[in-house]
Amino acid sequence: MSTATPISAVETGLQQLATDVVERALRAGASEAEVVIREGDEFSTVVRLGQVETLKESGARGIGLRVFIGPSGGQRTANTSSSDFSEAGIAHLVSGAIDLAQVTSVDPFAGLPEPSAMGQLTEDLGLYYNDVYSLPPAERIDYARRAEAAALSADPRLQNSDGGSFDAATGHKIMVNSRGFVGEYARSYCSLSAMPIAQTEQGGMQRDYWYSSARTLAKLDSPESIGAEAARRTLRRLNARRVATQSVPIVFAPEIARSLIGNIFEAANGDSIYRGASFWAHQLGQQVASASVTVIDDGTMPGLFGTSPFDGEGLPTRRTIIVEKGILKNYLLNTYTARKLNMQSTGNASRGLAGTPGIGAGNLFLEPGTVTPQQLLADVKAGFYVTELMGSGVNMVTGDYSRGAAGLWIENGELSFAVEEITIAGNLKEMLNNIVAIADDLVFRGSVTSPTLRIDGMTIAGE
C-alpha cells in the first residue's frame, strides 16, 4: 500500500542552506533576497519490440538566487543560479548576483511580494508518495515491455512500435526570502505509455499512443489497459482520407481540447495583458465566450499535477475563476504583472532556478457539461472529430487560428472513417463564443485539461 510521505521524511538540510544564502546576500549589499533550491531524481526507460532501447537514471540539484538593490519602489534586480553547493560556489553565486544587480536598470515594479500576501497551504495535498521508486529497475522495464506487448498483440496489423515507456521522478523544492517566507514540499510522478505502429496490406502506416500518469504507482493504469487503448487509437487511423473544403461542426477530443484551454491561459496571462499582446486586453467583465464556458485555474486540488502549497514567489496557491458563464472575470497574475496593472497577484507566479518569475497555471480546466461524449456526437449529422493537431498557427493578438489536423469523420452521430492532411481554421474569439456543447468526460491527465467539446462555424480546408 502506497502512502504519502511528509516533508520531514525528505528533508536534507537544504532549508538551512537557503536561509544562509539569503543572509549572505543581505550582508553583501542586497536590500532583499530570495533563494530557491531544487533537487530530484529521474528514471526513464523505453522498450522497443521487447528490447530496452534507452535507460536513463539521474539525480540533480541546483540553487537560484534573486537579489534586489535599492529602496522599495525603485529597485535593481538580478538572478544567478548554480549546481555548485561548495563554499566557493555559493560565494560566486552571491557575488555574481550583487554585481549584476548593480548594473541593471531601476524598475519601479520590481520587488518581493508584501509580507501580508505571503503564505502557504498547510493541509496534505497528496503530492508525494514513496512508492514511485518501489519497483526494482527490472520491474519498471517490464511495465514498459508489457504495455508495448499488449498493444502489438491486439491486431496482426500492429507489427512495429515506437516503444513502451515507463518514467518515474521525485522532486524537492525549498524557497526562502528575506521577508520571512520559508516553505518546502516534495512531489512524485510516474507515467506509462505505448505507441504502436499499424500497417495495411497496401503499405499505409499510422501511429498513435496512449498513456497514464499519476503521483503514485497505485493510481497508474495497468500496462495491459494502456497497450489496448493505444492499439485501438492507432487502428482507427488506418485508411485515412482527405475531405472536401467545407464548414462543419468540429468536435475536439479531450486530449486535443486541452490545447484550446492552453490558449485561454495565454489570453489571460497578465504578462501578455500589460504588454497589449492578448486579444483579451481591456476585456474584464465582458462576454468573451459562450455562456456554457467556465474556465477555472485551481492550484489547491489534492493529488493533481498543477497543485502546490505556494507559488513561485511564496504566495499561497488558490482557485481563480478566469471565465464564468462566458464572462471574463480574472487575469492570471504574479506580483510584477499585478503591480503593472494596479491589481493583486492571483498566486500564479512560476519560477525555475534562473530568471525572474513568470506566470504559470495550477490545474487549469474547462468545467464539464452534463451530456456524455456519445450524446454530444449524436447531434452532429456531418462533422470532424479532431484527434491530432499540428503546427502552432495561433495569433494571440488577433485570435487568428489555423492548424493542421487529423482525426475521424462524423456521419449521423457516429465516427465513420479516418481523416488526415487537412487544416482547420477560425478565430479564437469567435471559436470560444461558438462552443455549443461540452461533454461530461473531464479527467485530469495533466495540469491543463478539458472535456470533449463542440465548436460550430469553423472551416476545414481539404481537397
Protein backbone atom coordinates (compact mmCIF):
# COMPACT_ATOMS: atom_id res chain seq x y z
CA MET A 1 0.00 0.00 0.00
CA SER A 2 1.45 3.37 -1.03
CA THR A 3 1.46 6.19 1.44
CA ALA A 4 2.10 9.88 1.23
CA THR A 5 5.35 10.87 2.90
CA PRO A 6 5.55 14.11 4.90
CA ILE A 7 8.18 16.71 4.04
CA SER A 8 10.16 15.86 7.16
CA ALA A 9 10.98 12.49 5.66
CA VAL A 10 12.78 14.06 2.72
CA GLU A 11 14.50 16.99 4.41
CA THR A 12 18.18 17.22 3.55
CA GLY A 13 19.29 20.34 5.43
CA LEU A 14 18.79 22.45 2.33
CA GLN A 15 16.36 24.78 4.09
CA GLN A 16 19.16 25.95 6.35
CA LEU A 17 21.41 26.44 3.33
CA ALA A 18 18.74 28.57 1.64
CA THR A 19 18.41 30.68 4.78
CA ASP A 20 22.17 31.12 4.99
CA VAL A 21 22.41 32.24 1.34
CA VAL A 22 19.68 34.85 1.87
CA GLU A 23 21.60 36.23 4.84
CA ARG A 24 24.86 36.27 2.88
CA ALA A 25 23.21 38.20 0.06
CA LEU A 26 21.91 40.80 2.52
CA ARG A 27 25.35 41.19 4.08
CA ALA A 28 26.84 41.60 0.58
CA GLY A 29 24.63 44.61 -0.15
CA ALA A 30 21.22 43.30 -1.26
CA SER A 31 18.21 45.07 0.19
CA GLU A 32 16.07 41.95 -0.39
CA ALA A 33 16.85 38.40 -1.49
CA GLU A 34 15.11 35.16 -2.42
CA VAL A 35 16.56 31.66 -2.75
CA VAL A 36 15.08 28.59 -4.45
CA ILE A 37 16.68 25.16 -4.17
CA ARG A 38 15.54 22.15 -6.14
CA GLU A 39 16.74 18.56 -6.05
CA GLY A 40 15.35 15.46 -7.64
CA ASP A 41 15.81 12.04 -9.21
CA GLU A 42 14.56 10.74 -12.55
CA PHE A 43 14.21 7.31 -14.12
CA SER A 44 13.19 6.68 -17.74
CA THR A 45 13.16 3.64 -19.98
CA VAL A 46 11.89 2.91 -23.49
CA VAL A 47 11.38 -0.66 -24.65
CA ARG A 48 11.01 -1.17 -28.40
CA LEU A 49 9.95 -4.53 -29.85
CA GLY A 50 10.64 -6.11 -26.50
CA GLN A 51 14.20 -4.83 -26.17
CA VAL A 52 15.46 -2.00 -23.97
CA GLU A 53 16.24 0.91 -26.28
CA THR A 54 17.01 3.62 -23.71
CA LEU A 55 17.56 3.54 -19.97
CA LYS A 56 18.28 6.70 -18.02
CA GLU A 57 18.63 7.34 -14.32
CA SER A 58 19.85 10.64 -12.94
CA GLY A 59 19.83 12.94 -9.98
CA ALA A 60 20.33 16.69 -9.90
CA ARG A 61 20.13 19.67 -7.63
CA GLY A 62 20.53 23.39 -8.09
CA ILE A 63 20.18 26.71 -6.35
CA GLY A 64 18.85 30.02 -7.65
CA LEU A 65 19.31 33.44 -6.08
CA ARG A 66 17.33 36.59 -6.83
CA VAL A 67 18.52 39.86 -5.28
CA PHE A 68 17.20 43.42 -5.18
CA ILE A 69 19.23 46.53 -4.53
CA GLY A 70 17.65 49.86 -3.67
CA PRO A 71 14.61 51.17 -1.84
CA SER A 72 11.17 49.67 -2.41
CA GLY A 73 9.61 51.28 -5.46
CA GLY A 74 12.88 51.68 -7.33
CA GLN A 75 14.93 48.52 -7.22
CA ARG A 76 17.59 46.96 -9.39
CA THR A 77 17.35 43.20 -9.64
CA ALA A 78 19.39 40.24 -10.89
CA ASN A 79 19.33 36.44 -10.81
CA THR A 80 22.05 33.81 -10.66
CA SER A 81 21.92 30.03 -10.41
CA SER A 82 24.35 27.18 -9.87
CA SER A 83 24.65 23.45 -9.25
CA ASP A 84 27.81 24.01 -7.17
CA PHE A 85 26.96 23.87 -3.47
CA SER A 86 30.55 24.22 -2.28
CA GLU A 87 31.67 27.25 -0.26
CA ALA A 88 33.37 28.70 -3.34
CA GLY A 89 30.30 28.00 -5.47
CA ILE A 90 27.95 29.76 -3.05
CA ALA A 91 30.31 32.72 -2.74
CA HIS A 92 30.40 33.05 -6.54
CA LEU A 93 26.59 32.77 -6.70
CA VAL A 94 26.13 35.65 -4.25
CA SER A 95 28.84 37.95 -5.63
CA GLY A 96 27.63 37.37 -9.17
CA ALA A 97 24.07 38.35 -8.31
CA ILE A 98 25.18 41.52 -6.49
CA ASP A 99 27.50 42.55 -9.33
CA LEU A 100 24.78 42.02 -11.96
CA ALA A 101 22.15 43.91 -9.97
CA GLN A 102 24.39 46.96 -9.68
CA VAL A 103 24.49 47.38 -13.46
CA THR A 104 20.82 46.78 -14.24
CA SER A 105 18.21 49.48 -14.64
CA VAL A 106 15.94 50.60 -11.83
CA ASP A 107 12.48 49.05 -12.11
CA PRO A 108 9.71 50.66 -10.03
CA PHE A 109 7.65 47.44 -10.16
CA ALA A 110 10.40 45.06 -9.03
CA GLY A 111 10.49 43.58 -5.54
CA LEU A 112 9.28 40.74 -3.38
CA PRO A 113 5.58 40.42 -2.50
CA GLU A 114 4.30 42.16 0.59
CA PRO A 115 4.72 40.00 3.73
CA SER A 116 0.97 40.08 4.33
CA ALA A 117 0.38 38.38 0.95
CA MET A 118 2.81 35.52 1.51
CA GLY A 119 1.88 32.15 2.95
CA GLN A 120 1.19 28.55 2.03
CA LEU A 121 -1.42 25.82 2.24
CA THR A 122 -0.81 23.60 5.26
CA GLU A 123 -3.06 20.61 4.58
CA ASP A 124 -1.77 17.40 2.99
CA LEU A 125 -2.07 17.97 -0.76
CA GLY A 126 -1.13 14.41 -1.72
CA LEU A 127 1.86 15.45 -3.83
CA TYR A 128 4.47 12.94 -2.70
CA TYR A 129 4.24 9.15 -2.48
CA ASN A 130 7.12 6.90 -1.63
CA ASP A 131 6.10 4.11 -4.00
CA VAL A 132 7.13 5.59 -7.35
CA TYR A 133 10.60 4.11 -6.85
CA SER A 134 9.36 0.98 -5.07
CA LEU A 135 9.66 -1.18 -8.19
CA PRO A 136 13.14 -2.54 -8.91
CA PRO A 137 14.53 -1.32 -12.28
CA ALA A 138 13.82 -4.70 -13.89
CA GLU A 139 10.13 -4.42 -13.00
CA ARG A 140 9.92 -0.83 -14.30
CA ILE A 141 11.32 -2.08 -17.59
CA ASP A 142 8.79 -4.91 -17.51
CA TYR A 143 5.96 -2.38 -17.13
CA ALA A 144 7.06 -0.73 -20.38
CA ARG A 145 7.52 -4.12 -22.08
CA ARG A 146 4.04 -5.27 -21.02
CA ALA A 147 2.40 -2.08 -22.32
CA GLU A 148 4.07 -2.47 -25.72
CA ALA A 149 3.30 -6.19 -25.88
CA ALA A 150 -0.37 -5.59 -25.10
CA ALA A 151 -0.57 -3.08 -27.94
CA LEU A 152 1.19 -5.30 -30.50
CA SER A 153 -0.88 -8.37 -29.60
CA ALA A 154 -4.17 -6.59 -30.22
CA ASP A 155 -4.19 -6.97 -34.01
CA PRO A 156 -1.97 -8.55 -36.72
CA ARG A 157 -1.70 -5.17 -38.44
CA LEU A 158 0.33 -3.94 -35.45
CA GLN A 159 3.83 -5.22 -36.27
CA ASN A 160 6.00 -2.28 -35.31
CA SER A 161 6.29 0.20 -32.48
CA ASP A 162 7.87 3.40 -31.27
CA GLY A 163 8.02 1.70 -27.92
CA GLY A 164 6.56 1.37 -24.49
CA SER A 165 7.90 3.71 -21.82
CA PHE A 166 7.97 3.98 -18.05
CA ASP A 167 9.06 7.12 -16.20
CA ALA A 168 9.36 7.97 -12.52
CA ALA A 169 10.57 11.10 -10.79
CA THR A 170 10.71 12.72 -7.37
CA GLY A 171 11.47 16.33 -6.58
CA HIS A 172 12.01 18.54 -3.55
CA LYS A 173 11.69 22.34 -3.57
CA ILE A 174 12.73 24.85 -0.92
CA MET A 175 12.05 28.60 -1.01
CA VAL A 176 13.26 31.21 1.47
CA ASN A 177 13.19 35.00 1.20
CA SER A 178 14.26 37.96 3.28
CA ARG A 179 10.69 38.96 4.11
CA GLY A 180 10.21 35.93 6.33
CA PHE A 181 8.85 33.31 3.96
CA VAL A 182 10.12 29.74 4.41
CA GLY A 183 8.49 26.88 2.53
CA GLU A 184 9.25 23.48 1.07
CA TYR A 185 7.46 20.50 -0.40
CA ALA A 186 8.12 17.27 -2.26
CA ARG A 187 6.49 15.81 -5.36
CA SER A 188 6.44 12.41 -7.01
CA TYR A 189 5.42 11.34 -10.51
CA CYS A 190 5.19 8.20 -12.62
CA SER A 191 3.89 7.51 -16.11
CA LEU A 192 3.42 4.66 -18.54
CA SER A 193 2.78 4.80 -22.30
CA ALA A 194 2.70 2.79 -25.50
CA MET A 195 2.99 3.93 -29.14
CA PRO A 196 2.30 1.16 -31.68
CA ILE A 197 2.53 1.46 -35.46
CA ALA A 198 -0.12 -0.10 -37.72
CA GLN A 199 0.30 -1.03 -41.37
CA THR A 200 -2.22 -2.07 -44.03
CA GLU A 201 -1.62 -4.62 -46.76
CA GLN A 202 -1.22 -1.70 -49.17
CA GLY A 203 1.63 -0.31 -47.08
CA GLY A 204 -0.19 2.58 -45.43
CA MET A 205 1.11 3.29 -41.93
CA GLN A 206 -0.27 5.11 -38.91
CA ARG A 207 0.76 5.54 -35.30
CA ASP A 208 -0.92 6.74 -32.15
CA TYR A 209 -0.39 6.38 -28.42
CA TRP A 210 -1.97 6.23 -25.00
CA TYR A 211 -0.65 6.85 -21.54
CA SER A 212 -1.35 7.05 -17.84
CA SER A 213 0.30 9.33 -15.28
CA ALA A 214 -0.10 9.71 -11.54
CA ARG A 215 1.53 10.88 -8.33
CA THR A 216 1.52 7.31 -7.03
CA LEU A 217 2.12 3.94 -8.64
CA ALA A 218 -1.13 2.73 -7.12
CA LYS A 219 -3.16 5.04 -9.40
CA LEU A 220 -1.34 4.19 -12.62
CA ASP A 221 -3.46 2.29 -15.15
CA SER A 222 -2.30 -1.24 -15.89
CA PRO A 223 0.20 -1.81 -18.74
CA GLU A 224 -2.34 -4.06 -20.45
CA SER A 225 -5.08 -1.40 -20.48
CA ILE A 226 -2.62 1.22 -21.76
CA GLY A 227 -1.49 -1.05 -24.58
CA ALA A 228 -5.04 -1.99 -25.56
CA GLU A 229 -6.14 1.64 -25.75
CA ALA A 230 -3.05 2.64 -27.71
CA ALA A 231 -3.82 -0.15 -30.19
CA ARG A 232 -7.45 0.94 -30.57
CA ARG A 233 -6.47 4.53 -31.24
CA THR A 234 -3.83 3.50 -33.77
CA LEU A 235 -6.03 1.09 -35.72
CA ARG A 236 -8.84 3.61 -36.15
CA ARG A 237 -6.45 5.90 -38.04
CA LEU A 238 -5.80 3.41 -40.84
CA ASN A 239 -7.04 4.12 -44.40
CA ALA A 240 -7.30 7.84 -43.68
CA ARG A 241 -8.51 10.12 -46.46
CA ARG A 242 -8.98 13.79 -47.14
CA VAL A 243 -12.32 15.54 -47.23
CA ALA A 244 -13.57 18.50 -49.22
CA THR A 245 -13.18 22.07 -48.01
CA GLN A 246 -16.31 22.96 -46.03
CA SER A 247 -17.71 24.46 -42.85
CA VAL A 248 -18.94 21.82 -40.39
CA PRO A 249 -19.10 21.33 -36.63
CA ILE A 250 -15.72 20.48 -35.11
CA VAL A 251 -15.56 18.18 -32.09
CA PHE A 252 -12.33 18.29 -30.12
CA ALA A 253 -11.34 15.11 -28.26
CA PRO A 254 -10.35 15.82 -24.63
CA GLU A 255 -6.61 15.41 -25.22
CA ILE A 256 -6.89 17.97 -28.07
CA ALA A 257 -9.40 20.31 -26.45
CA ARG A 258 -6.83 20.95 -23.72
CA SER A 259 -4.80 22.94 -26.26
CA LEU A 260 -7.71 25.39 -26.53
CA ILE A 261 -7.69 25.74 -22.75
CA GLY A 262 -3.96 26.44 -23.06
CA ASN A 263 -4.83 29.23 -25.50
CA ILE A 264 -7.21 30.64 -22.89
CA PHE A 265 -4.34 30.65 -20.39
CA GLU A 266 -2.20 32.59 -22.87
CA ALA A 267 -5.01 35.09 -23.45
CA ALA A 268 -5.48 35.64 -19.69
CA ASN A 269 -1.74 35.76 -18.92
CA GLY A 270 -1.00 39.02 -17.14
CA ASP A 271 2.31 39.43 -18.94
CA SER A 272 0.51 39.40 -22.30
CA ILE A 273 -2.20 41.69 -20.94
CA TYR A 274 0.07 44.52 -19.79
CA ARG A 275 2.10 44.27 -22.99
CA GLY A 276 -1.06 44.52 -25.08
CA ALA A 277 -0.24 41.18 -26.71
CA SER A 278 -3.57 39.46 -25.98
CA PHE A 279 -6.96 39.82 -27.61
CA TRP A 280 -8.39 39.83 -24.05
CA ALA A 281 -6.66 43.06 -23.04
CA HIS A 282 -9.18 45.53 -21.52
CA GLN A 283 -11.90 42.85 -21.62
CA LEU A 284 -12.53 42.19 -17.91
CA GLY A 285 -16.25 41.95 -17.25
CA GLN A 286 -17.00 41.40 -20.92
CA GLN A 287 -18.50 38.34 -22.59
CA VAL A 288 -15.62 36.52 -24.26
CA ALA A 289 -17.10 33.04 -24.69
CA SER A 290 -20.31 31.08 -24.87
CA ALA A 291 -22.46 31.13 -21.72
CA SER A 292 -21.70 27.41 -21.34
CA VAL A 293 -18.00 28.16 -20.81
CA THR A 294 -16.50 28.36 -17.32
CA VAL A 295 -12.71 28.07 -17.07
CA ILE A 296 -11.02 27.67 -13.69
CA ASP A 297 -7.42 27.66 -12.51
CA ASP A 298 -7.06 25.85 -9.19
CA GLY A 299 -3.70 25.07 -7.62
CA THR A 300 -5.24 23.65 -4.45
CA MET A 301 -6.75 20.37 -5.71
CA PRO A 302 -5.13 17.44 -3.84
CA GLY A 303 -3.01 14.99 -5.80
CA LEU A 304 -3.12 16.77 -9.15
CA PHE A 305 -0.22 17.83 -11.35
CA GLY A 306 -0.70 21.59 -11.05
CA THR A 307 -1.10 21.59 -7.28
CA SER A 308 1.39 23.13 -4.85
CA PRO A 309 1.21 24.75 -1.40
CA PHE A 310 2.69 28.03 -2.64
CA ASP A 311 3.54 29.70 -5.92
CA GLY A 312 6.91 30.79 -7.31
CA GLU A 313 7.01 33.87 -5.04
CA GLY A 314 5.76 32.38 -1.79
CA LEU A 315 2.07 33.24 -2.10
CA PRO A 316 -0.48 30.54 -1.26
CA THR A 317 -1.97 28.89 -4.32
CA ARG A 318 -5.66 29.44 -4.84
CA ARG A 319 -8.71 28.85 -7.00
CA THR A 320 -9.28 31.55 -9.62
CA ILE A 321 -12.24 31.68 -12.00
CA ILE A 322 -10.94 33.04 -15.30
CA VAL A 323 -14.16 32.84 -17.30
CA GLU A 324 -17.55 32.33 -15.67
CA LYS A 325 -20.50 31.52 -17.92
CA GLY A 326 -18.74 33.28 -20.77
CA ILE A 327 -17.74 36.42 -18.81
CA LEU A 328 -14.03 37.22 -18.32
CA LYS A 329 -13.63 37.51 -14.56
CA ASN A 330 -9.88 37.48 -13.88
CA TYR A 331 -6.44 37.60 -15.42
CA LEU A 332 -3.70 35.33 -14.07
CA LEU A 333 -1.03 37.42 -12.38
CA ASN A 334 2.22 37.29 -10.47
CA THR A 335 3.39 40.15 -8.26
CA TYR A 336 5.18 42.03 -11.04
CA THR A 337 2.32 41.96 -13.57
CA ALA A 338 -0.17 42.77 -10.81
CA ARG A 339 1.78 45.91 -9.96
CA LYS A 340 1.96 46.82 -13.64
CA LEU A 341 -1.81 46.51 -13.92
CA ASN A 342 -2.56 48.01 -10.47
CA MET A 343 -4.16 44.73 -9.39
CA GLN A 344 -3.41 41.90 -6.94
CA SER A 345 -1.45 38.73 -7.68
CA THR A 346 -3.57 35.61 -8.21
CA GLY A 347 -0.82 33.38 -6.84
CA ASN A 348 0.27 32.25 -10.30
CA ALA A 349 3.97 33.09 -10.15
CA SER A 350 6.08 30.38 -11.75
CA ARG A 351 9.82 30.24 -11.21
CA GLY A 352 12.70 27.98 -12.08
CA LEU A 353 16.17 28.44 -10.68
CA ALA A 354 17.21 31.14 -13.13
CA GLY A 355 15.36 34.21 -14.32
CA THR A 356 12.56 36.28 -12.92
CA PRO A 357 9.19 34.71 -12.06
CA GLY A 358 6.86 34.10 -14.95
CA ILE A 359 3.20 33.15 -14.85
CA GLY A 360 2.09 29.54 -14.69
CA ALA A 361 -1.17 27.68 -14.36
CA GLY A 362 -2.19 25.48 -11.48
CA ASN A 363 -4.81 22.94 -12.55
CA LEU A 364 -6.42 24.71 -15.49
CA PHE A 365 -9.65 23.23 -16.79
CA LEU A 366 -12.90 23.79 -18.61
CA GLU A 367 -15.84 22.95 -16.36
CA PRO A 368 -17.60 19.85 -17.73
CA GLY A 369 -21.10 19.77 -19.15
CA THR A 370 -23.86 17.26 -18.49
CA VAL A 371 -24.03 15.22 -21.72
CA THR A 372 -21.92 12.18 -22.48
CA PRO A 373 -19.47 12.28 -25.40
CA GLN A 374 -21.79 9.89 -27.25
CA GLN A 375 -24.74 12.24 -26.77
CA LEU A 376 -22.64 15.17 -27.95
CA LEU A 377 -21.67 13.30 -31.13
CA ALA A 378 -25.24 12.12 -31.72
CA ASP A 379 -26.34 15.66 -32.58
CA VAL A 380 -23.73 16.01 -35.36
CA LYS A 381 -25.02 14.95 -38.79
CA ALA A 382 -21.70 15.66 -40.52
CA GLY A 383 -18.57 16.93 -38.82
CA PHE A 384 -14.95 16.41 -37.87
CA TYR A 385 -13.66 14.79 -34.66
CA VAL A 386 -10.13 16.08 -34.03
CA THR A 387 -7.59 13.66 -32.53
CA GLU A 388 -4.36 15.40 -33.57
CA LEU A 389 -3.22 18.98 -34.19
CA MET A 390 -0.02 20.01 -35.96
CA GLY A 391 1.82 23.32 -36.16
CA SER A 392 1.34 26.40 -34.00
CA GLY A 393 -0.69 28.77 -36.13
CA VAL A 394 -2.37 30.73 -33.34
CA ASN A 395 -2.04 34.53 -33.16
CA MET A 396 -2.81 35.63 -29.60
CA VAL A 397 -3.03 39.31 -30.61
CA THR A 398 -5.69 38.89 -33.30
CA GLY A 399 -7.08 35.47 -32.35
CA ASP A 400 -6.48 34.04 -35.82
CA TYR A 401 -6.33 30.24 -35.64
CA SER A 402 -5.11 27.81 -38.31
CA ARG A 403 -3.65 24.38 -37.61
CA GLY A 404 -3.05 21.14 -39.42
CA ALA A 405 -5.30 18.36 -38.15
CA ALA A 406 -6.15 14.69 -38.32
CA GLY A 407 -9.00 12.72 -36.83
CA LEU A 408 -12.24 10.97 -37.69
CA TRP A 409 -15.22 11.97 -39.80
CA ILE A 410 -18.60 12.10 -38.10
CA GLU A 411 -21.63 10.87 -40.05
CA ASN A 412 -25.08 10.80 -38.45
CA GLY A 413 -23.62 10.96 -34.97
CA GLU A 414 -21.09 8.15 -35.50
CA LEU A 415 -17.33 8.13 -36.05
CA SER A 416 -17.09 6.68 -39.53
CA PHE A 417 -13.62 6.94 -41.15
CA ALA A 418 -10.17 8.42 -40.57
CA VAL A 419 -9.27 11.86 -41.95
CA GLU A 420 -5.84 13.39 -42.47
CA GLU A 421 -3.98 16.17 -44.32
CA ILE A 422 -6.47 18.93 -43.64
CA THR A 423 -6.38 22.31 -41.91
CA ILE A 424 -8.94 23.71 -39.51
CA ALA A 425 -9.25 27.48 -39.32
CA GLY A 426 -11.17 30.15 -37.49
CA ASN A 427 -10.65 32.92 -34.94
CA LEU A 428 -10.30 32.14 -31.25
CA LYS A 429 -12.59 34.98 -30.26
CA GLU A 430 -15.35 33.52 -32.43
CA MET A 431 -14.48 29.91 -31.59
CA LEU A 432 -14.92 30.47 -27.86
CA ASN A 433 -18.29 32.08 -28.49
CA ASN A 434 -19.28 29.20 -30.76
CA ILE A 435 -18.73 26.40 -28.23
CA VAL A 436 -22.20 24.87 -28.43
CA ALA A 437 -21.75 21.68 -26.40
CA ILE A 438 -19.44 20.40 -23.65
CA ALA A 439 -19.36 16.77 -22.51
CA ASP A 440 -19.06 15.37 -19.00
CA ASP A 441 -15.78 13.46 -19.53
CA LEU A 442 -13.33 15.69 -17.63
CA VAL A 443 -10.30 13.64 -16.49
CA PHE A 444 -7.11 15.17 -15.10
CA ARG A 445 -4.30 13.54 -17.08
CA GLY A 446 -2.15 16.67 -16.72
CA SER A 447 -2.27 20.15 -15.25
CA VAL A 448 -4.27 21.50 -18.22
CA THR A 449 -7.34 19.53 -19.20
CA SER A 450 -10.74 19.69 -20.86
CA PRO A 451 -13.73 17.51 -21.63
CA THR A 452 -14.88 16.83 -25.19
CA LEU A 453 -16.30 19.99 -26.76
CA ARG A 454 -18.03 21.04 -29.98
CA ILE A 455 -17.40 24.27 -31.89
CA ASP A 456 -19.53 25.41 -34.81
CA GLY A 457 -18.61 27.81 -37.61
CA MET A 458 -15.03 26.69 -38.32
CA THR A 459 -13.66 25.92 -41.77
CA ILE A 460 -12.00 22.70 -42.87
CA ALA A 461 -9.51 23.22 -45.69
CA GLY A 462 -9.15 19.94 -47.54
CA GLU A 463 -9.47 18.85 -51.15
